């Protein structure tokens, strides 16, 4: 079984920066694609960003392009989401998800990911 643990979420002011981590343990696949999703109160969970294996392709939601950066450190089995210029509308629970992959695809669709973390809360105050 794959265990994903997100960390780094906290309360910050608008305009601040924050980096989230998604650490994998347990069954480690040699090739994985990973995505970040978020769910704000009263809203459905939505795609934020994704990265392929080996990390040369990324994808971002329009709402975070130019502000968020996803990257991976396979030596640490960790994927990061660097968030800058945070806005109150970025407030949400952020989840990471991963899937073993046999191509170099980057996936923005939630149902392509079988393994999910428990989430980390990010709150941006105005």
N, C-alpha and C. Protein backbone atom coordinates (compact mmCIF):
# COMPACT_ATOMS: atom_id res chain seq x y z
N UNK A 1 0.84 -1.19 0.00
CA UNK A 1 0.00 0.00 0.00
C UNK A 1 0.88 1.24 0.00
N UNK A 2 0.43 2.26 -0.69
CA UNK A 2 1.14 3.53 -0.75
C UNK A 2 0.57 4.47 0.30
N UNK A 3 1.43 5.06 1.09
CA UNK A 3 1.02 6.04 2.08
C UNK A 3 1.54 7.40 1.64
N UNK A 4 0.64 8.37 1.52
CA UNK A 4 1.01 9.74 1.18
C UNK A 4 0.71 10.66 2.36
N UNK A 5 1.65 11.45 2.72
CA UNK A 5 1.47 12.39 3.82
C UNK A 5 1.80 13.80 3.34
N UNK A 6 0.80 14.67 3.38
CA UNK A 6 1.01 16.07 3.03
C UNK A 6 1.41 16.85 4.28
N UNK A 7 2.19 17.87 4.09
CA UNK A 7 2.57 18.75 5.19
C UNK A 7 2.88 20.13 4.65
N UNK A 8 2.93 21.09 5.57
CA UNK A 8 3.30 22.46 5.20
C UNK A 8 2.16 23.45 5.21
N UNK A 9 0.94 22.97 5.33
CA UNK A 9 -0.19 23.89 5.33
C UNK A 9 -0.27 24.67 6.63
N UNK A 10 -0.69 25.91 6.52
CA UNK A 10 -0.87 26.75 7.71
C UNK A 10 -1.63 28.01 7.35
N UNK A 11 -1.84 28.86 8.35
CA UNK A 11 -2.50 30.14 8.16
C UNK A 11 -1.45 31.17 7.76
N UNK A 12 -1.68 31.83 6.62
CA UNK A 12 -0.77 32.88 6.15
C UNK A 12 -1.57 34.08 5.68
N UNK A 13 -0.88 35.18 5.49
CA UNK A 13 -1.53 36.38 4.98
C UNK A 13 -1.48 36.41 3.45
N UNK A 14 -2.42 37.11 2.87
CA UNK A 14 -2.42 37.27 1.41
C UNK A 14 -1.10 37.85 0.95
N UNK A 15 -0.60 37.30 -0.16
CA UNK A 15 0.68 37.74 -0.68
C UNK A 15 1.86 36.91 -0.22
N UNK A 16 1.61 36.05 0.75
CA UNK A 16 2.68 35.21 1.30
C UNK A 16 2.99 34.03 0.38
N UNK A 17 4.06 33.34 0.74
CA UNK A 17 4.46 32.12 0.03
C UNK A 17 4.43 30.94 0.99
N UNK A 18 4.25 29.78 0.43
CA UNK A 18 4.17 28.56 1.23
C UNK A 18 4.54 27.40 0.34
N UNK A 19 5.23 26.42 0.90
CA UNK A 19 5.56 25.22 0.14
C UNK A 19 4.98 24.00 0.83
N UNK A 20 4.18 23.26 0.10
CA UNK A 20 3.60 22.02 0.60
C UNK A 20 4.46 20.84 0.17
N UNK A 21 4.48 19.82 0.99
CA UNK A 21 5.22 18.60 0.69
C UNK A 21 4.27 17.42 0.67
N UNK A 22 4.57 16.46 -0.20
CA UNK A 22 3.81 15.22 -0.29
C UNK A 22 4.83 14.09 -0.27
N UNK A 23 4.93 13.43 0.86
CA UNK A 23 5.93 12.37 1.03
C UNK A 23 5.28 11.01 0.90
N UNK A 24 5.89 10.17 0.10
CA UNK A 24 5.38 8.82 -0.12
C UNK A 24 6.19 7.80 0.66
N UNK A 25 5.50 6.81 1.18
CA UNK A 25 6.17 5.71 1.88
C UNK A 25 5.36 4.44 1.65
N UNK A 26 5.87 3.34 2.21
CA UNK A 26 5.20 2.07 1.98
C UNK A 26 5.67 1.48 0.67
N UNK A 27 4.72 1.14 -0.19
CA UNK A 27 5.08 0.58 -1.49
C UNK A 27 5.48 1.73 -2.41
N UNK A 28 6.73 1.74 -2.81
CA UNK A 28 7.23 2.81 -3.66
C UNK A 28 7.38 2.28 -5.08
N UNK A 29 6.68 2.88 -6.00
CA UNK A 29 6.80 2.51 -7.40
C UNK A 29 7.98 3.25 -8.01
N UNK A 30 8.58 2.64 -9.01
CA UNK A 30 9.75 3.27 -9.62
C UNK A 30 9.37 4.47 -10.47
N UNK A 31 8.16 4.45 -11.01
CA UNK A 31 7.70 5.58 -11.83
C UNK A 31 6.31 5.98 -11.38
N UNK A 32 6.17 7.24 -10.97
CA UNK A 32 4.86 7.72 -10.53
C UNK A 32 4.59 9.10 -11.09
N UNK A 33 3.34 9.34 -11.37
CA UNK A 33 2.87 10.68 -11.68
C UNK A 33 2.10 11.16 -10.46
N UNK A 34 2.21 12.43 -10.16
CA UNK A 34 1.61 12.97 -8.93
C UNK A 34 0.86 14.25 -9.22
N UNK A 35 -0.24 14.42 -8.53
CA UNK A 35 -1.02 15.64 -8.68
C UNK A 35 -1.38 16.25 -7.34
N UNK A 36 -1.64 17.54 -7.38
CA UNK A 36 -2.18 18.26 -6.22
C UNK A 36 -3.59 18.73 -6.57
N UNK A 37 -4.48 18.55 -5.62
CA UNK A 37 -5.85 18.97 -5.76
C UNK A 37 -6.23 19.74 -4.50
N UNK A 38 -7.31 20.50 -4.55
CA UNK A 38 -7.74 21.23 -3.37
C UNK A 38 -9.26 21.27 -3.30
N UNK A 39 -9.72 21.40 -2.06
CA UNK A 39 -11.16 21.50 -1.85
C UNK A 39 -11.44 22.62 -0.86
N UNK A 40 -12.13 23.62 -1.34
CA UNK A 40 -12.52 24.75 -0.50
C UNK A 40 -13.86 24.43 0.15
N UNK A 41 -14.18 25.08 1.25
CA UNK A 41 -15.45 24.82 1.92
C UNK A 41 -16.63 25.03 0.99
N UNK A 42 -17.51 24.04 0.94
CA UNK A 42 -18.70 24.15 0.12
C UNK A 42 -18.49 23.94 -1.36
N UNK A 43 -17.27 23.59 -1.74
CA UNK A 43 -16.97 23.40 -3.16
C UNK A 43 -16.44 22.00 -3.42
N UNK A 44 -16.48 21.60 -4.67
CA UNK A 44 -15.94 20.30 -5.05
C UNK A 44 -14.41 20.38 -5.12
N UNK A 45 -13.83 19.22 -4.96
CA UNK A 45 -12.37 19.15 -5.08
C UNK A 45 -11.97 19.44 -6.52
N UNK A 46 -10.90 20.24 -6.68
CA UNK A 46 -10.50 20.65 -8.02
C UNK A 46 -9.00 20.44 -8.23
N UNK A 47 -8.64 20.33 -9.48
CA UNK A 47 -7.25 20.15 -9.87
C UNK A 47 -6.46 21.43 -9.63
N UNK A 48 -5.23 21.27 -9.15
CA UNK A 48 -4.33 22.40 -8.95
C UNK A 48 -3.10 22.28 -9.84
N UNK A 49 -2.41 21.15 -9.74
CA UNK A 49 -1.17 20.98 -10.49
C UNK A 49 -0.81 19.51 -10.56
N UNK A 50 0.01 19.15 -11.54
CA UNK A 50 0.45 17.77 -11.67
C UNK A 50 1.82 17.73 -12.30
N UNK A 51 2.51 16.64 -12.03
CA UNK A 51 3.85 16.45 -12.59
C UNK A 51 4.00 15.00 -13.03
N UNK A 52 4.71 14.81 -14.12
CA UNK A 52 4.87 13.46 -14.64
C UNK A 52 6.12 12.81 -14.07
N UNK A 53 6.33 11.56 -14.44
CA UNK A 53 7.64 10.95 -14.27
C UNK A 53 8.35 11.11 -15.60
N UNK A 54 9.57 11.58 -15.67
CA UNK A 54 10.51 11.85 -14.59
C UNK A 54 10.56 13.28 -14.07
N UNK A 55 9.53 14.07 -14.36
CA UNK A 55 9.46 15.41 -13.82
C UNK A 55 9.74 16.51 -14.84
N UNK A 56 9.67 16.17 -16.13
CA UNK A 56 9.96 17.17 -17.15
C UNK A 56 8.70 17.78 -17.76
N UNK A 57 7.55 17.35 -17.27
CA UNK A 57 6.29 17.92 -17.72
C UNK A 57 5.43 18.26 -16.53
N UNK A 58 4.79 19.41 -16.59
CA UNK A 58 3.91 19.84 -15.51
C UNK A 58 2.64 20.43 -16.10
N UNK A 59 1.64 20.54 -15.26
CA UNK A 59 0.37 21.14 -15.66
C UNK A 59 -0.17 21.92 -14.49
N UNK A 60 -0.88 23.01 -14.79
CA UNK A 60 -1.42 23.86 -13.74
C UNK A 60 -2.83 24.31 -14.10
N UNK A 61 -3.64 24.47 -13.07
CA UNK A 61 -4.93 25.11 -13.26
C UNK A 61 -4.69 26.57 -13.63
N UNK A 62 -5.59 27.13 -14.41
CA UNK A 62 -5.42 28.52 -14.83
C UNK A 62 -5.33 29.46 -13.63
N UNK A 63 -6.05 29.13 -12.58
CA UNK A 63 -6.11 30.02 -11.42
C UNK A 63 -4.79 30.11 -10.66
N UNK A 64 -3.87 29.16 -10.91
CA UNK A 64 -2.61 29.17 -10.16
C UNK A 64 -1.39 29.34 -11.06
N UNK A 65 -1.60 29.37 -12.36
CA UNK A 65 -0.46 29.51 -13.28
C UNK A 65 0.31 30.79 -12.99
N UNK A 66 1.62 30.65 -12.97
CA UNK A 66 2.48 31.79 -12.70
C UNK A 66 2.70 32.04 -11.22
N UNK A 67 1.92 31.39 -10.36
CA UNK A 67 2.07 31.57 -8.91
C UNK A 67 2.54 30.30 -8.22
N UNK A 68 2.13 29.15 -8.72
CA UNK A 68 2.47 27.87 -8.10
C UNK A 68 3.47 27.12 -8.98
N UNK A 69 4.34 26.36 -8.32
CA UNK A 69 5.31 25.53 -9.02
C UNK A 69 5.35 24.15 -8.38
N UNK A 70 5.22 23.13 -9.19
CA UNK A 70 5.31 21.76 -8.70
C UNK A 70 6.65 21.18 -9.11
N UNK A 71 7.26 20.42 -8.20
CA UNK A 71 8.51 19.76 -8.55
C UNK A 71 8.67 18.53 -7.66
N UNK A 72 9.59 17.68 -8.05
CA UNK A 72 9.73 16.41 -7.33
C UNK A 72 11.19 16.14 -7.00
N UNK A 73 11.37 15.42 -5.90
CA UNK A 73 12.69 14.95 -5.47
C UNK A 73 12.54 13.46 -5.25
N UNK A 74 12.86 12.68 -6.25
CA UNK A 74 12.66 11.23 -6.16
C UNK A 74 13.59 10.58 -5.14
N UNK A 75 14.70 11.20 -4.85
CA UNK A 75 15.58 10.65 -3.81
C UNK A 75 14.90 10.67 -2.45
N UNK A 76 13.97 11.60 -2.28
CA UNK A 76 13.23 11.72 -1.02
C UNK A 76 11.80 11.21 -1.15
N UNK A 77 11.45 10.71 -2.33
CA UNK A 77 10.07 10.25 -2.57
C UNK A 77 9.06 11.34 -2.21
N UNK A 78 9.38 12.56 -2.59
CA UNK A 78 8.56 13.70 -2.19
C UNK A 78 8.29 14.60 -3.39
N UNK A 79 7.06 15.08 -3.45
CA UNK A 79 6.65 16.07 -4.45
C UNK A 79 6.25 17.32 -3.70
N UNK A 80 6.67 18.46 -4.22
CA UNK A 80 6.43 19.73 -3.56
C UNK A 80 5.52 20.62 -4.40
N UNK A 81 4.81 21.48 -3.71
CA UNK A 81 4.01 22.51 -4.37
C UNK A 81 4.40 23.83 -3.75
N UNK A 82 5.16 24.60 -4.50
CA UNK A 82 5.58 25.92 -4.05
C UNK A 82 4.53 26.93 -4.47
N UNK A 83 4.00 27.64 -3.49
CA UNK A 83 2.90 28.57 -3.74
C UNK A 83 3.35 29.99 -3.37
N UNK A 84 3.20 30.90 -4.29
CA UNK A 84 3.55 32.30 -4.05
C UNK A 84 2.35 33.19 -4.32
N UNK A 85 2.45 34.42 -3.88
CA UNK A 85 1.38 35.40 -4.08
C UNK A 85 0.02 34.82 -3.73
N UNK A 86 -0.05 34.21 -2.56
CA UNK A 86 -1.27 33.54 -2.15
C UNK A 86 -2.42 34.52 -2.00
N UNK A 87 -3.60 34.04 -2.35
CA UNK A 87 -4.82 34.84 -2.29
C UNK A 87 -5.81 34.16 -1.35
N UNK A 88 -6.75 34.91 -0.80
CA UNK A 88 -7.77 34.29 0.05
C UNK A 88 -8.51 33.14 -0.66
N UNK A 89 -8.68 33.27 -1.96
CA UNK A 89 -9.38 32.20 -2.70
C UNK A 89 -8.56 30.93 -2.85
N UNK A 90 -7.31 30.95 -2.41
CA UNK A 90 -6.50 29.73 -2.38
C UNK A 90 -6.76 28.91 -1.11
N UNK A 91 -7.55 29.47 -0.21
CA UNK A 91 -7.87 28.75 1.02
C UNK A 91 -8.60 27.46 0.71
N UNK A 92 -8.06 26.35 1.21
CA UNK A 92 -8.63 25.03 0.92
C UNK A 92 -7.83 23.96 1.65
N UNK A 93 -8.36 22.77 1.63
CA UNK A 93 -7.57 21.60 2.01
C UNK A 93 -6.88 21.12 0.74
N UNK A 94 -5.58 20.96 0.83
CA UNK A 94 -4.79 20.54 -0.33
C UNK A 94 -4.44 19.06 -0.19
N UNK A 95 -4.73 18.31 -1.23
CA UNK A 95 -4.47 16.88 -1.26
C UNK A 95 -3.46 16.56 -2.35
N UNK A 96 -2.58 15.61 -2.07
CA UNK A 96 -1.76 15.08 -3.14
C UNK A 96 -2.25 13.68 -3.47
N UNK A 97 -2.00 13.27 -4.69
CA UNK A 97 -2.41 11.96 -5.17
C UNK A 97 -1.35 11.44 -6.12
N UNK A 98 -1.20 10.13 -6.18
CA UNK A 98 -0.17 9.58 -7.04
C UNK A 98 -0.66 8.30 -7.70
N UNK A 99 -0.02 7.98 -8.81
CA UNK A 99 -0.34 6.76 -9.53
C UNK A 99 0.92 6.21 -10.18
N UNK A 100 1.09 4.91 -10.20
CA UNK A 100 2.19 4.35 -10.99
C UNK A 100 1.93 4.63 -12.45
N UNK A 101 2.97 4.85 -13.19
CA UNK A 101 2.80 5.20 -14.58
C UNK A 101 3.82 4.49 -15.46
N UNK A 102 3.42 4.21 -16.69
CA UNK A 102 4.32 3.54 -17.64
C UNK A 102 4.55 4.40 -18.86
N UNK A 103 4.10 5.65 -18.77
CA UNK A 103 4.39 6.59 -19.84
C UNK A 103 4.86 7.89 -19.19
N UNK A 104 4.99 8.93 -19.96
CA UNK A 104 5.47 10.21 -19.42
C UNK A 104 4.34 11.22 -19.32
N UNK A 105 3.12 10.69 -19.15
CA UNK A 105 1.97 11.56 -19.11
C UNK A 105 1.85 12.34 -17.81
N UNK A 106 1.18 13.47 -17.89
CA UNK A 106 0.85 14.26 -16.71
C UNK A 106 -0.67 14.31 -16.65
N UNK A 107 -1.20 14.02 -15.46
CA UNK A 107 -2.63 13.77 -15.34
C UNK A 107 -3.33 14.79 -14.45
N UNK A 108 -4.38 15.40 -14.99
CA UNK A 108 -5.13 16.38 -14.21
C UNK A 108 -6.48 15.84 -13.74
N UNK A 109 -6.77 14.61 -14.10
CA UNK A 109 -8.06 14.02 -13.76
C UNK A 109 -7.97 13.22 -12.48
N UNK A 110 -8.85 13.50 -11.55
CA UNK A 110 -8.78 12.88 -10.23
C UNK A 110 -8.91 11.36 -10.27
N UNK A 111 -9.78 10.86 -11.12
CA UNK A 111 -10.03 9.42 -11.07
C UNK A 111 -8.90 8.59 -11.67
N UNK A 112 -7.85 9.24 -12.15
CA UNK A 112 -6.68 8.51 -12.62
C UNK A 112 -5.71 8.20 -11.49
N UNK A 113 -5.99 8.75 -10.31
CA UNK A 113 -5.10 8.58 -9.17
C UNK A 113 -5.72 7.64 -8.14
N UNK A 114 -5.12 6.50 -7.90
CA UNK A 114 -5.66 5.56 -6.91
C UNK A 114 -5.21 5.83 -5.48
N UNK A 115 -4.14 6.59 -5.31
CA UNK A 115 -3.60 6.79 -3.96
C UNK A 115 -3.67 8.27 -3.59
N UNK A 116 -4.22 8.51 -2.40
CA UNK A 116 -4.45 9.88 -1.94
C UNK A 116 -3.95 10.07 -0.51
N UNK A 117 -3.52 11.28 -0.23
CA UNK A 117 -3.18 11.65 1.13
C UNK A 117 -4.40 12.16 1.87
N UNK A 118 -4.20 12.51 3.13
CA UNK A 118 -5.30 12.97 3.98
C UNK A 118 -5.53 14.47 3.87
N UNK A 119 -4.61 15.18 3.29
CA UNK A 119 -4.79 16.61 3.08
C UNK A 119 -4.11 17.47 4.12
N UNK A 120 -3.83 18.71 3.74
CA UNK A 120 -3.25 19.69 4.64
C UNK A 120 -3.98 21.02 4.42
N UNK A 121 -4.33 21.68 5.50
CA UNK A 121 -5.13 22.90 5.41
C UNK A 121 -4.26 24.12 5.13
N UNK A 122 -4.66 24.86 4.11
CA UNK A 122 -4.04 26.14 3.81
C UNK A 122 -5.11 27.22 3.96
N UNK A 123 -4.83 28.19 4.80
CA UNK A 123 -5.76 29.30 5.00
C UNK A 123 -5.04 30.60 4.72
N UNK A 124 -5.61 31.38 3.82
CA UNK A 124 -5.00 32.65 3.44
C UNK A 124 -5.93 33.78 3.90
N UNK A 125 -5.43 34.61 4.79
CA UNK A 125 -6.24 35.70 5.31
C UNK A 125 -6.01 36.96 4.48
N UNK A 126 -7.03 37.78 4.39
CA UNK A 126 -6.93 39.02 3.58
C UNK A 126 -6.40 40.17 4.42
